[in-house]
């Protein structure tokens, strides 16, 4: 904030503008953004979300069930 304003970018020499924005405050002292995100989720919602993810996992990664035994003809 107390640095003298730059007139041009040191790399490309294009004109620059100083942008001042609000800081990202960590009011609840979470150690990570992921922890902050899941702090708002109830256990019931988390279980429901996990079940939805598991349905997609089964559909994508598991092969279709075998309808017959290949050794029997």
Protein backbone atom coordinates (compact mmCIF):
# COMPACT_ATOMS: atom_id res chain seq x y z
CA UNK A 1 0.00 0.00 0.00
CA UNK A 2 2.85 2.39 0.71
CA UNK A 3 4.88 1.40 -2.37
CA UNK A 4 5.04 4.00 -5.13
CA UNK A 5 2.57 3.18 -7.92
CA UNK A 6 3.88 1.37 -10.97
CA UNK A 7 3.41 3.14 -14.27
CA UNK A 8 4.26 0.12 -16.44
CA UNK A 9 4.61 -3.63 -16.08
CA UNK A 10 8.27 -4.64 -15.57
CA UNK A 11 7.88 -7.61 -17.94
CA UNK A 12 5.87 -6.29 -20.88
CA UNK A 13 6.06 -2.49 -20.29
CA UNK A 14 2.26 -2.17 -20.67
CA UNK A 15 0.43 0.35 -18.46
CA UNK A 16 -0.90 -1.04 -15.18
CA UNK A 17 -3.74 -0.18 -12.77
CA UNK A 18 -3.66 -0.82 -9.05
CA UNK A 19 -6.62 -2.85 -7.85
CA UNK A 20 -7.45 -2.97 -4.17
CA UNK A 21 -9.85 -5.65 -2.96
CA UNK A 22 -11.11 -6.95 0.36
CA UNK A 23 -8.94 -9.61 2.04
CA UNK A 24 -10.11 -13.19 2.38
CA UNK A 25 -10.82 -13.37 6.10
CA UNK A 26 -10.80 -16.70 7.89
CA UNK A 27 -13.29 -15.89 10.64
CA UNK A 28 -13.82 -19.46 11.85
CA UNK A 29 -10.13 -20.51 11.87
CA UNK A 30 -10.46 -23.36 9.39
CA UNK A 31 -7.13 -24.81 8.31
CA UNK A 32 -8.15 -25.22 4.67
CA UNK A 33 -10.86 -24.13 2.21
CA UNK A 34 -12.05 -27.75 2.04
CA UNK A 35 -12.55 -27.87 5.79
CA UNK A 36 -14.50 -24.61 5.64
CA UNK A 37 -16.67 -25.99 2.82
CA UNK A 38 -17.56 -29.20 4.67
CA UNK A 39 -18.15 -27.45 8.00
CA UNK A 40 -21.50 -26.27 6.61
CA UNK A 41 -22.60 -29.77 5.57
CA UNK A 42 -24.63 -31.85 8.03
CA UNK A 43 -23.74 -35.55 8.42
CA UNK A 44 -27.02 -36.54 6.72
CA UNK A 45 -26.23 -34.35 3.69
CA UNK A 46 -22.70 -35.71 3.54
CA UNK A 47 -23.96 -39.33 3.52
CA UNK A 48 -26.51 -38.52 0.81
CA UNK A 49 -23.83 -36.86 -1.31
CA UNK A 50 -21.51 -39.84 -0.85
CA UNK A 51 -24.26 -42.26 -1.94
CA UNK A 52 -24.82 -40.23 -5.10
CA UNK A 53 -21.10 -40.33 -5.84
CA UNK A 54 -21.02 -44.10 -5.28
CA UNK A 55 -23.85 -44.62 -7.80
CA UNK A 56 -21.80 -42.82 -10.42
CA UNK A 57 -18.71 -44.80 -9.48
CA UNK A 58 -20.48 -48.13 -9.95
CA UNK A 59 -21.96 -47.01 -13.24
CA UNK A 60 -18.65 -45.78 -14.64
CA UNK A 61 -15.98 -48.13 -13.32
CA UNK A 62 -17.57 -51.51 -12.70
CA UNK A 63 -18.08 -53.85 -15.66
CA UNK A 64 -21.60 -55.01 -16.41
CA UNK A 65 -22.64 -58.18 -14.57
CA UNK A 66 -22.11 -61.49 -16.36
CA UNK A 67 -25.42 -62.93 -17.56
CA UNK A 68 -24.15 -66.45 -18.13
CA UNK A 69 -21.23 -68.64 -17.20
CA UNK A 70 -18.75 -68.68 -20.13
CA UNK A 71 -17.56 -72.19 -19.19
CA UNK A 72 -20.99 -73.73 -19.66
CA UNK A 73 -22.31 -74.23 -23.18
